[in-house]
């Protein structure tokens, strides 16, 4: 089942050249995926306080929900819109795989955050001693 979607990918950083390069790289990587890009608009970086912000709005077609979910996991868009089809059924296996992938990522991120927090606490204790 073909799915037509629109995503928005945002980049925030500094200097402006870095933001432009990262956005180009992200869009180039997206173009390598097994999707058909229908429309692509990339904004010029705008200054936001001490940083620069840019976004790309990309409309594309992919072959199935699994491909769309891969795009979401790989590119972490800030917005996903499914344009077509208006309705579809999700096979339990696809939903299970998605939920398991999501949970694995959440667990991995949680572990990283706990480790960083523990390191931060140790560094603060070390700084207080010195």
N, C-alpha and C. Protein backbone atom coordinates (compact mmCIF):
# COMPACT_ATOMS: atom_id res chain seq x y z
N UNK A 1 0.83 -1.17 0.00
CA UNK A 1 0.00 0.00 0.00
C UNK A 1 0.89 1.24 0.00
N UNK A 2 0.72 2.09 -0.97
CA UNK A 2 1.52 3.31 -1.07
C UNK A 2 1.01 4.36 -0.08
N UNK A 3 1.93 5.06 0.57
CA UNK A 3 1.58 6.10 1.54
C UNK A 3 2.23 7.40 1.11
N UNK A 4 1.42 8.45 1.05
CA UNK A 4 1.92 9.78 0.73
C UNK A 4 1.97 10.58 2.02
N UNK A 5 3.15 11.12 2.32
CA UNK A 5 3.36 11.81 3.59
C UNK A 5 4.11 13.11 3.40
N UNK A 6 4.02 13.93 4.43
CA UNK A 6 4.79 15.17 4.49
C UNK A 6 5.46 15.20 5.87
N UNK A 7 6.74 15.52 5.88
CA UNK A 7 7.46 15.65 7.14
C UNK A 7 8.17 17.00 7.18
N UNK A 8 8.42 17.46 8.40
CA UNK A 8 9.23 18.66 8.61
C UNK A 8 10.40 18.25 9.50
N UNK A 9 11.60 18.56 9.02
CA UNK A 9 12.82 18.27 9.76
C UNK A 9 13.45 19.61 10.12
N UNK A 10 13.77 19.79 11.40
CA UNK A 10 14.32 21.06 11.87
C UNK A 10 15.76 20.86 12.36
N UNK A 11 16.58 21.87 12.11
CA UNK A 11 17.97 21.88 12.56
C UNK A 11 18.19 23.20 13.30
N UNK A 12 18.82 23.13 14.47
CA UNK A 12 19.17 24.31 15.25
C UNK A 12 20.63 24.18 15.64
N UNK A 13 21.42 25.22 15.38
CA UNK A 13 22.82 25.14 15.73
C UNK A 13 23.57 26.40 15.37
N UNK A 14 24.88 26.31 15.43
CA UNK A 14 25.75 27.42 15.12
C UNK A 14 27.12 26.86 14.76
N UNK A 15 27.84 27.50 13.89
CA UNK A 15 27.53 28.69 13.11
C UNK A 15 26.57 28.38 11.95
N UNK A 16 26.19 29.41 11.23
CA UNK A 16 25.21 29.25 10.16
C UNK A 16 25.68 28.25 9.10
N UNK A 17 26.98 28.22 8.81
CA UNK A 17 27.52 27.29 7.81
C UNK A 17 27.31 25.84 8.24
N UNK A 18 27.43 25.60 9.53
CA UNK A 18 27.22 24.25 10.06
C UNK A 18 25.76 23.83 9.88
N UNK A 19 24.84 24.74 10.18
CA UNK A 19 23.41 24.44 10.03
C UNK A 19 23.09 24.14 8.56
N UNK A 20 23.64 24.94 7.66
CA UNK A 20 23.41 24.71 6.22
C UNK A 20 23.95 23.35 5.79
N UNK A 21 25.16 23.02 6.24
CA UNK A 21 25.77 21.74 5.86
C UNK A 21 24.98 20.56 6.42
N UNK A 22 24.61 20.63 7.68
CA UNK A 22 23.85 19.54 8.29
C UNK A 22 22.52 19.35 7.58
N UNK A 23 21.85 20.45 7.25
CA UNK A 23 20.56 20.33 6.55
C UNK A 23 20.76 19.70 5.17
N UNK A 24 21.80 20.11 4.45
CA UNK A 24 22.09 19.50 3.15
C UNK A 24 22.34 18.00 3.30
N UNK A 25 23.14 17.65 4.30
CA UNK A 25 23.46 16.24 4.54
C UNK A 25 22.21 15.43 4.89
N UNK A 26 21.35 15.99 5.72
CA UNK A 26 20.12 15.29 6.11
C UNK A 26 19.22 15.07 4.90
N UNK A 27 19.04 16.11 4.09
CA UNK A 27 18.19 15.99 2.90
C UNK A 27 18.81 15.00 1.91
N UNK A 28 20.13 15.03 1.75
CA UNK A 28 20.80 14.07 0.86
C UNK A 28 20.59 12.63 1.34
N UNK A 29 20.69 12.41 2.64
CA UNK A 29 20.46 11.07 3.19
C UNK A 29 19.01 10.63 2.99
N UNK A 30 18.09 11.56 3.15
CA UNK A 30 16.67 11.24 2.93
C UNK A 30 16.43 10.83 1.48
N UNK A 31 17.10 11.50 0.56
CA UNK A 31 16.94 11.18 -0.86
C UNK A 31 17.47 9.79 -1.20
N UNK A 32 18.36 9.25 -0.38
CA UNK A 32 18.90 7.91 -0.62
C UNK A 32 17.96 6.80 -0.17
N UNK A 33 16.95 7.16 0.62
CA UNK A 33 16.01 6.17 1.13
C UNK A 33 15.12 5.67 0.00
N UNK A 34 14.46 4.56 0.26
CA UNK A 34 13.59 3.94 -0.74
C UNK A 34 12.23 4.64 -0.75
N UNK A 35 12.25 5.94 -1.11
CA UNK A 35 11.03 6.74 -1.20
C UNK A 35 11.08 7.56 -2.48
N UNK A 36 9.92 8.07 -2.88
CA UNK A 36 9.87 8.96 -4.04
C UNK A 36 9.53 10.35 -3.52
N UNK A 37 10.50 11.26 -3.61
CA UNK A 37 10.28 12.63 -3.14
C UNK A 37 9.47 13.38 -4.19
N UNK A 38 8.35 13.95 -3.74
CA UNK A 38 7.45 14.68 -4.63
C UNK A 38 7.70 16.18 -4.57
N UNK A 39 8.06 16.66 -3.39
CA UNK A 39 8.24 18.10 -3.20
C UNK A 39 9.20 18.30 -2.04
N UNK A 40 10.09 19.30 -2.19
CA UNK A 40 11.08 19.55 -1.14
C UNK A 40 11.32 21.04 -1.06
N UNK A 41 11.17 21.60 0.14
CA UNK A 41 11.46 23.01 0.37
C UNK A 41 12.36 23.12 1.59
N UNK A 42 13.48 23.81 1.43
CA UNK A 42 14.42 24.00 2.53
C UNK A 42 14.51 25.49 2.81
N UNK A 43 14.28 25.86 4.07
CA UNK A 43 14.32 27.28 4.44
C UNK A 43 15.77 27.75 4.61
N UNK A 44 15.96 29.04 4.41
CA UNK A 44 17.25 29.65 4.72
C UNK A 44 17.37 29.72 6.24
N UNK A 45 18.56 29.50 6.79
CA UNK A 45 18.70 29.59 8.24
C UNK A 45 18.33 30.98 8.75
N UNK A 46 17.59 31.00 9.85
CA UNK A 46 17.19 32.25 10.50
C UNK A 46 17.84 32.31 11.88
N UNK A 47 18.26 33.50 12.27
CA UNK A 47 18.91 33.66 13.58
C UNK A 47 17.85 33.57 14.67
N UNK A 48 18.11 32.72 15.66
CA UNK A 48 17.25 32.56 16.83
C UNK A 48 18.15 32.69 18.05
N UNK A 49 18.16 33.89 18.63
CA UNK A 49 19.06 34.21 19.73
C UNK A 49 20.50 33.96 19.30
N UNK A 50 21.21 33.02 19.93
CA UNK A 50 22.62 32.78 19.61
C UNK A 50 22.80 31.69 18.55
N UNK A 51 21.70 31.15 18.04
CA UNK A 51 21.76 30.02 17.12
C UNK A 51 21.10 30.37 15.79
N UNK A 52 21.16 29.40 14.88
CA UNK A 52 20.48 29.50 13.60
C UNK A 52 19.55 28.31 13.45
N UNK A 53 18.39 28.57 12.86
CA UNK A 53 17.38 27.53 12.70
C UNK A 53 17.02 27.40 11.23
N UNK A 54 16.88 26.17 10.78
CA UNK A 54 16.46 25.90 9.41
C UNK A 54 15.53 24.70 9.45
N UNK A 55 14.65 24.62 8.45
CA UNK A 55 13.78 23.45 8.38
C UNK A 55 13.60 23.04 6.93
N UNK A 56 13.31 21.77 6.75
CA UNK A 56 12.99 21.23 5.43
C UNK A 56 11.61 20.61 5.50
N UNK A 57 10.78 20.95 4.53
CA UNK A 57 9.46 20.32 4.41
C UNK A 57 9.54 19.42 3.18
N UNK A 58 9.30 18.13 3.39
CA UNK A 58 9.46 17.16 2.32
C UNK A 58 8.19 16.33 2.20
N UNK A 59 7.66 16.31 0.98
CA UNK A 59 6.50 15.46 0.68
C UNK A 59 7.01 14.29 -0.15
N UNK A 60 6.58 13.08 0.21
CA UNK A 60 7.10 11.90 -0.47
C UNK A 60 6.09 10.77 -0.45
N UNK A 61 6.37 9.77 -1.28
CA UNK A 61 5.60 8.53 -1.29
C UNK A 61 6.53 7.40 -0.88
N UNK A 62 5.99 6.48 -0.08
CA UNK A 62 6.73 5.28 0.27
C UNK A 62 5.81 4.08 0.09
N UNK A 63 6.39 2.90 0.06
CA UNK A 63 5.63 1.70 -0.28
C UNK A 63 4.74 1.17 0.83
N UNK A 64 5.11 1.44 2.09
CA UNK A 64 4.31 0.87 3.18
C UNK A 64 4.56 1.62 4.48
N UNK A 65 3.80 1.25 5.50
CA UNK A 65 3.92 1.88 6.81
C UNK A 65 5.28 1.63 7.43
N UNK A 66 5.84 0.48 7.20
CA UNK A 66 7.16 0.15 7.73
C UNK A 66 8.21 1.15 7.23
N UNK A 67 8.14 1.50 5.95
CA UNK A 67 9.09 2.47 5.38
C UNK A 67 8.90 3.85 6.01
N UNK A 68 7.65 4.24 6.23
CA UNK A 68 7.37 5.53 6.87
C UNK A 68 7.91 5.55 8.30
N UNK A 69 7.71 4.47 9.03
CA UNK A 69 8.21 4.40 10.40
C UNK A 69 9.74 4.45 10.43
N UNK A 70 10.38 3.81 9.46
CA UNK A 70 11.85 3.89 9.36
C UNK A 70 12.31 5.33 9.17
N UNK A 71 11.62 6.06 8.30
CA UNK A 71 11.96 7.48 8.07
C UNK A 71 11.83 8.25 9.39
N UNK A 72 10.75 7.99 10.11
CA UNK A 72 10.54 8.69 11.38
C UNK A 72 11.64 8.38 12.39
N UNK A 73 12.03 7.12 12.51
CA UNK A 73 13.09 6.75 13.44
C UNK A 73 14.44 7.30 13.00
N UNK A 74 14.73 7.23 11.71
CA UNK A 74 16.04 7.65 11.22
C UNK A 74 16.23 9.16 11.20
N UNK A 75 15.15 9.92 10.92
CA UNK A 75 15.29 11.36 10.73
C UNK A 75 14.63 12.20 11.81
N UNK A 76 13.87 11.58 12.69
CA UNK A 76 13.24 12.26 13.82
C UNK A 76 12.57 13.59 13.41
N UNK A 77 11.66 13.56 12.44
CA UNK A 77 11.01 14.81 12.04
C UNK A 77 10.19 15.39 13.20
N UNK A 78 10.02 16.71 13.18
CA UNK A 78 9.22 17.35 14.23
C UNK A 78 7.73 17.22 13.92
N UNK A 79 7.40 17.00 12.65
CA UNK A 79 6.01 16.85 12.22
C UNK A 79 5.93 15.76 11.17
N UNK A 80 4.90 14.93 11.28
CA UNK A 80 4.59 13.92 10.26
C UNK A 80 3.12 14.05 9.92
N UNK A 81 2.84 14.15 8.64
CA UNK A 81 1.45 14.20 8.17
C UNK A 81 1.26 13.10 7.14
N UNK A 82 0.23 12.29 7.33
CA UNK A 82 -0.11 11.27 6.33
C UNK A 82 -1.20 11.87 5.46
N UNK A 83 -0.88 12.10 4.20
CA UNK A 83 -1.81 12.73 3.26
C UNK A 83 -2.74 11.69 2.66
N UNK A 84 -2.18 10.59 2.22
CA UNK A 84 -2.96 9.48 1.65
C UNK A 84 -2.33 8.17 2.07
N UNK A 85 -3.08 7.16 2.29
CA UNK A 85 -4.54 7.07 2.21
C UNK A 85 -5.19 7.72 3.43
N UNK A 86 -6.46 8.01 3.31
CA UNK A 86 -7.20 8.62 4.41
C UNK A 86 -7.45 7.62 5.53
N UNK A 87 -7.55 6.35 5.18
CA UNK A 87 -7.74 5.28 6.17
C UNK A 87 -6.95 4.06 5.73
N UNK A 88 -6.47 3.31 6.71
CA UNK A 88 -5.85 2.02 6.41
C UNK A 88 -5.80 1.18 7.67
N UNK A 89 -5.67 -0.11 7.47
CA UNK A 89 -5.57 -1.05 8.58
C UNK A 89 -4.11 -1.36 8.83
N UNK A 90 -3.76 -1.46 10.10
CA UNK A 90 -2.39 -1.81 10.47
C UNK A 90 -2.38 -3.26 10.91
N UNK A 91 -1.50 -4.03 10.29
CA UNK A 91 -1.34 -5.43 10.69
C UNK A 91 -0.72 -5.47 12.08
N UNK A 92 -1.18 -6.36 12.93
CA UNK A 92 -0.64 -6.44 14.30
C UNK A 92 0.89 -6.57 14.33
N UNK A 93 1.48 -7.32 13.42
CA UNK A 93 2.93 -7.52 13.41
C UNK A 93 3.67 -6.19 13.19
N UNK A 94 3.15 -5.35 12.29
CA UNK A 94 3.78 -4.06 12.03
C UNK A 94 3.69 -3.18 13.27
N UNK A 95 2.53 -3.17 13.91
CA UNK A 95 2.37 -2.38 15.13
C UNK A 95 3.26 -2.91 16.25
N UNK A 96 3.34 -4.22 16.40
CA UNK A 96 4.22 -4.81 17.41
C UNK A 96 5.67 -4.42 17.17
N UNK A 97 6.13 -4.54 15.93
CA UNK A 97 7.51 -4.19 15.60
C UNK A 97 7.78 -2.72 15.91
N UNK A 98 6.84 -1.86 15.53
CA UNK A 98 6.99 -0.43 15.79
C UNK A 98 7.09 -0.17 17.29
N UNK A 99 6.17 -0.74 18.06
CA UNK A 99 6.17 -0.52 19.51
C UNK A 99 7.44 -1.06 20.15
N UNK A 100 7.92 -2.21 19.70
CA UNK A 100 9.16 -2.77 20.25
C UNK A 100 10.36 -1.91 19.90
N UNK A 101 10.41 -1.39 18.66
CA UNK A 101 11.49 -0.47 18.28
C UNK A 101 11.44 0.80 19.12
N UNK A 102 10.24 1.33 19.29
CA UNK A 102 10.07 2.54 20.09
C UNK A 102 10.52 2.31 21.53
N UNK A 103 10.09 1.22 22.12
CA UNK A 103 10.47 0.91 23.49
C UNK A 103 11.97 0.69 23.63
N UNK A 104 12.58 0.03 22.67
CA UNK A 104 14.04 -0.18 22.72
C UNK A 104 14.77 1.15 22.70
N UNK A 105 14.32 2.07 21.85
CA UNK A 105 14.95 3.39 21.80
C UNK A 105 14.73 4.16 23.10
N UNK A 106 13.53 4.09 23.64
CA UNK A 106 13.25 4.77 24.90
C UNK A 106 14.11 4.22 26.03
N UNK A 107 14.24 2.91 26.10
CA UNK A 107 15.09 2.30 27.13
C UNK A 107 16.55 2.71 26.96
N UNK A 108 17.02 2.71 25.72
CA UNK A 108 18.41 3.10 25.45
C UNK A 108 18.63 4.56 25.86
N UNK A 109 17.70 5.45 25.49
CA UNK A 109 17.83 6.86 25.85
C UNK A 109 17.76 7.05 27.36
N UNK A 110 16.89 6.31 28.02
CA UNK A 110 16.77 6.39 29.47
C UNK A 110 18.08 5.98 30.14
N UNK A 111 18.70 4.91 29.64
CA UNK A 111 19.96 4.45 30.21
C UNK A 111 21.05 5.50 30.01
N UNK A 112 21.11 6.10 28.84
CA UNK A 112 22.11 7.14 28.58
C UNK A 112 21.90 8.31 29.53
N UNK A 113 20.65 8.72 29.70
CA UNK A 113 20.36 9.85 30.60
C UNK A 113 20.74 9.52 32.04
N UNK A 114 20.44 8.31 32.49
CA UNK A 114 20.80 7.92 33.86
C UNK A 114 22.32 7.91 34.04
N UNK A 115 23.04 7.40 33.04
CA UNK A 115 24.50 7.39 33.12
C UNK A 115 25.07 8.80 33.13
N UNK A 116 24.54 9.68 32.28
CA UNK A 116 25.00 11.06 32.26
C UNK A 116 24.70 11.76 33.59
N UNK A 117 23.54 11.49 34.14
CA UNK A 117 23.18 12.08 35.43
C UNK A 117 24.15 11.61 36.52
N UNK A 118 24.45 10.32 36.54
CA UNK A 118 25.38 9.79 37.54
C UNK A 118 26.77 10.41 37.37
N UNK A 119 27.23 10.54 36.13
CA UNK A 119 28.53 11.18 35.88
C UNK A 119 28.52 12.63 36.34
N UNK A 120 27.42 13.32 36.09
CA UNK A 120 27.28 14.71 36.48
C UNK A 120 27.35 14.85 38.00
N UNK A 121 26.66 13.97 38.72
CA UNK A 121 26.69 14.00 40.19
C UNK A 121 28.12 13.77 40.69
N UNK A 122 28.81 12.79 40.11
CA UNK A 122 30.20 12.52 40.52
C UNK A 122 31.11 13.71 40.24
N UNK A 123 30.96 14.34 39.09
CA UNK A 123 31.79 15.50 38.76
C UNK A 123 31.52 16.66 39.71
N UNK A 124 30.27 16.87 40.07
CA UNK A 124 29.94 17.95 41.01
C UNK A 124 30.56 17.68 42.37
N UNK A 125 30.52 16.44 42.82
CA UNK A 125 31.14 16.08 44.09
C UNK A 125 32.65 16.33 44.03
N UNK A 126 33.25 15.96 42.91
CA UNK A 126 34.70 16.15 42.73
C UNK A 126 35.05 17.64 42.73
N UNK A 127 34.23 18.45 42.08
CA UNK A 127 34.48 19.89 42.05
C UNK A 127 34.36 20.50 43.44
N UNK A 128 33.41 20.03 44.24
CA UNK A 128 33.24 20.56 45.59
C UNK A 128 34.44 20.22 46.47
N UNK A 129 35.05 19.06 46.24
CA UNK A 129 36.22 18.66 47.02
C UNK A 129 37.43 19.52 46.69
N UNK A 130 37.51 20.00 45.46
CA UNK A 130 38.68 20.79 45.04
C UNK A 130 38.42 22.21 45.28
